[in-house]
């Protein structure tokens, strides 16, 4: 990635020296419902989770972007979401970490991929996936490709992050 020794030295001492990366791929919102389990439901043989707290973090390609920020890189992201509350939450989380979100497009008729995990007594009990995995329609796919290509001159690297949700075909 670095061609000269000075760049390598800077990267070692300051993360990656402000290098710019565009992450393109499957964006997700990871939700966690944390609670305590102390009994079994009388309605069915399942644990009853008494909800204590909820947390949300950027997942999938958005998690990759978060990790790159942690290494000192300047990060922008490209992908698609639905036009829903999960999108707004995901964008807020990304922007809160300084990630540029101009390349995040809305795919009409598609929901934002959301993974909800139920955690009882520090043990994952269940995961609920709300997602679309079909390939993007041609117009959205072209708009995403155009958004990525338009940003290539502004970045030092392009990272593709594919979770098989139909965005990278």
Protein backbone atom coordinates (compact mmCIF):
# COMPACT_ATOMS: atom_id res chain seq x y z
CA UNK A 1 0.00 0.00 0.00
CA UNK A 2 2.87 2.40 0.81
CA UNK A 3 5.60 2.95 -1.74
CA UNK A 4 8.15 5.02 0.20
CA UNK A 5 9.88 4.39 3.56
CA UNK A 6 8.71 7.73 5.01
CA UNK A 7 5.07 6.76 4.42
CA UNK A 8 5.68 3.42 6.14
CA UNK A 9 7.25 5.18 9.12
CA UNK A 10 4.32 7.62 9.36
CA UNK A 11 1.83 4.77 9.15
CA UNK A 12 3.55 2.83 11.92
CA UNK A 13 3.59 5.80 14.26
CA UNK A 14 0.20 7.38 13.53
CA UNK A 15 -2.06 4.56 12.50
CA UNK A 16 -2.19 4.86 8.73
CA UNK A 17 -1.28 8.51 8.51
CA UNK A 18 -4.69 9.76 7.40
CA UNK A 19 -4.86 7.56 4.33
CA UNK A 20 -8.29 7.63 2.71
CA UNK A 21 -10.30 4.47 2.13
CA UNK A 22 -13.65 3.91 0.49
CA UNK A 23 -15.52 0.87 1.81
CA UNK A 24 -18.22 -0.46 -0.53
CA UNK A 25 -20.52 -3.33 0.28
CA UNK A 26 -23.30 -4.73 2.41
CA UNK A 27 -24.32 -2.30 5.15
CA UNK A 28 -26.03 -3.62 8.26
CA UNK A 29 -27.35 -2.47 11.58
CA UNK A 30 -26.52 -4.80 14.47
CA UNK A 31 -28.97 -4.59 17.37
CA UNK A 32 -28.47 -6.26 20.74
CA UNK A 33 -31.23 -6.80 23.28
CA UNK A 34 -29.60 -7.58 26.63
CA UNK A 35 -31.46 -9.08 29.52
CA UNK A 36 -31.81 -11.61 32.28
CA UNK A 37 -33.42 -15.03 32.11
CA UNK A 38 -34.76 -16.52 35.31
CA UNK A 39 -37.76 -18.54 34.19
CA UNK A 40 -39.39 -20.47 31.37
CA UNK A 41 -42.56 -19.18 29.74
CA UNK A 42 -45.81 -20.90 30.75
CA UNK A 43 -47.01 -20.50 27.14
CA UNK A 44 -44.21 -22.54 25.53
CA UNK A 45 -40.93 -24.13 26.62
CA UNK A 46 -38.85 -21.03 25.92
CA UNK A 47 -36.83 -18.73 28.18
CA UNK A 48 -38.37 -15.40 29.18
CA UNK A 49 -35.92 -12.54 28.59
CA UNK A 50 -36.40 -9.58 30.93
CA UNK A 51 -35.03 -6.73 28.81
CA UNK A 52 -32.42 -4.60 30.59
CA UNK A 53 -30.83 -2.59 27.78
CA UNK A 54 -30.52 -2.23 24.02
CA UNK A 55 -27.46 -1.36 21.96
CA UNK A 56 -26.97 -0.69 18.25
CA UNK A 57 -23.76 -0.69 16.23
CA UNK A 58 -22.84 -0.47 12.58
CA UNK A 59 -22.41 -3.96 11.12
CA UNK A 60 -21.25 -5.70 7.96
CA UNK A 61 -19.30 -3.36 5.68
CA UNK A 62 -20.17 -0.54 8.09
CA UNK A 63 -18.31 -2.42 10.84
CA UNK A 64 -15.30 -2.72 8.54
CA UNK A 65 -15.44 1.05 8.09
CA UNK A 66 -15.56 1.56 11.88
CA UNK A 67 -12.51 -0.65 12.33
CA UNK A 68 -10.58 1.31 9.70
CA UNK A 69 -11.38 4.58 11.49
CA UNK A 70 -9.94 2.98 14.62
CA UNK A 71 -6.68 2.44 12.73
CA UNK A 72 -6.47 6.15 11.89
CA UNK A 73 -7.78 6.09 8.34
CA UNK A 74 -10.18 8.60 6.82
CA UNK A 75 -13.14 6.51 5.70
CA UNK A 76 -16.08 6.98 3.38
CA UNK A 77 -18.67 4.32 2.70
CA UNK A 78 -20.86 3.27 -0.22
CA UNK A 79 -23.77 0.85 -0.17
CA UNK A 80 -27.54 0.70 -0.02
CA UNK A 81 -30.16 0.73 2.68
CA UNK A 82 -33.90 0.85 2.79
CA UNK A 83 -35.77 4.07 3.47
CA UNK A 84 -36.48 3.23 7.10
CA UNK A 85 -35.62 3.93 10.73
CA UNK A 86 -32.71 1.46 10.61
CA UNK A 87 -31.14 3.57 7.85
CA UNK A 88 -31.34 6.72 9.95
CA UNK A 89 -29.84 4.91 12.94
CA UNK A 90 -27.03 3.45 10.84
CA UNK A 91 -26.19 6.80 9.24
CA UNK A 92 -26.17 8.51 12.65
CA UNK A 93 -23.78 5.88 14.02
CA UNK A 94 -21.45 6.15 11.03
CA UNK A 95 -21.40 9.95 10.99
CA UNK A 96 -20.78 9.92 14.73
CA UNK A 97 -17.51 8.14 14.02
CA UNK A 98 -16.53 10.58 11.29
CA UNK A 99 -17.36 8.27 8.39
CA UNK A 100 -18.54 10.03 5.23
CA UNK A 101 -21.89 8.61 4.14
CA UNK A 102 -22.56 10.41 0.85
CA UNK A 103 -22.27 7.09 -1.00
CA UNK A 104 -25.09 5.42 0.95
CA UNK A 105 -28.07 5.14 -1.39
CA UNK A 106 -31.69 4.20 -0.77
CA UNK A 107 -33.03 1.14 -2.58
CA UNK A 108 -36.80 1.57 -2.75
CA UNK A 109 -38.72 -1.53 -1.72
CA UNK A 110 -35.74 -2.90 0.19
CA UNK A 111 -35.22 -2.82 3.94
CA UNK A 112 -31.99 -1.97 5.71
CA UNK A 113 -30.34 -5.22 6.73
CA UNK A 114 -30.75 -5.54 10.49
CA UNK A 115 -29.44 -8.33 12.70
CA UNK A 116 -31.07 -8.42 16.14
CA UNK A 117 -29.47 -10.57 18.80
CA UNK A 118 -31.20 -11.52 22.05
CA UNK A 119 -28.68 -11.98 24.84
CA UNK A 120 -29.80 -13.56 28.11
CA UNK A 121 -27.41 -13.92 31.04
CA UNK A 122 -24.49 -13.10 28.69
CA UNK A 123 -25.48 -15.92 26.29
CA UNK A 124 -26.80 -15.32 22.78
CA UNK A 125 -30.20 -17.00 22.66
CA UNK A 126 -31.55 -15.99 19.27
CA UNK A 127 -30.70 -13.90 16.22
CA UNK A 128 -33.37 -12.33 14.03
CA UNK A 129 -32.30 -11.34 10.50
CA UNK A 130 -34.39 -8.73 8.68
CA UNK A 131 -32.81 -8.57 5.25
CA UNK A 132 -33.12 -8.70 1.50
CA UNK A 133 -30.56 -10.84 -0.33
CA UNK A 134 -31.69 -10.49 -3.94
CA UNK A 135 -29.38 -8.56 -6.25
CA UNK A 136 -30.08 -4.84 -6.54
CA UNK A 137 -32.24 -3.74 -9.41
CA UNK A 138 -30.26 -2.47 -12.40
CA UNK A 139 -30.87 1.24 -11.78
CA UNK A 140 -29.76 1.11 -8.14
CA UNK A 141 -26.78 -1.06 -9.02
CA UNK A 142 -25.68 1.47 -11.66
CA UNK A 143 -26.19 4.39 -9.27
CA UNK A 144 -24.04 2.64 -6.66
CA UNK A 145 -21.33 1.86 -9.20
CA UNK A 146 -21.40 5.49 -10.34
CA UNK A 147 -21.09 6.67 -6.71
CA UNK A 148 -18.08 4.42 -6.14
CA UNK A 149 -16.32 5.35 -9.39
CA UNK A 150 -16.88 9.07 -8.69
CA UNK A 151 -15.00 8.74 -5.38
CA UNK A 152 -12.03 6.66 -6.60
CA UNK A 153 -9.85 9.67 -7.38
CA UNK A 154 -10.35 10.91 -3.79
CA UNK A 155 -9.16 7.76 -2.00
CA UNK A 156 -5.97 5.75 -1.59
CA UNK A 157 -7.77 2.39 -1.47
CA UNK A 158 -11.09 0.75 -2.24
CA UNK A 159 -12.17 -2.07 0.06
CA UNK A 160 -15.04 -4.33 -1.03
CA UNK A 161 -16.94 -5.98 1.81
CA UNK A 162 -19.34 -8.69 0.65
CA UNK A 163 -21.76 -10.47 3.00
CA UNK A 164 -23.87 -11.96 0.18
CA UNK A 165 -26.77 -9.50 0.61
CA UNK A 166 -27.05 -8.69 -3.10
CA UNK A 167 -25.09 -5.44 -3.19
CA UNK A 168 -21.82 -6.65 -4.72
CA UNK A 169 -22.78 -8.72 -7.76
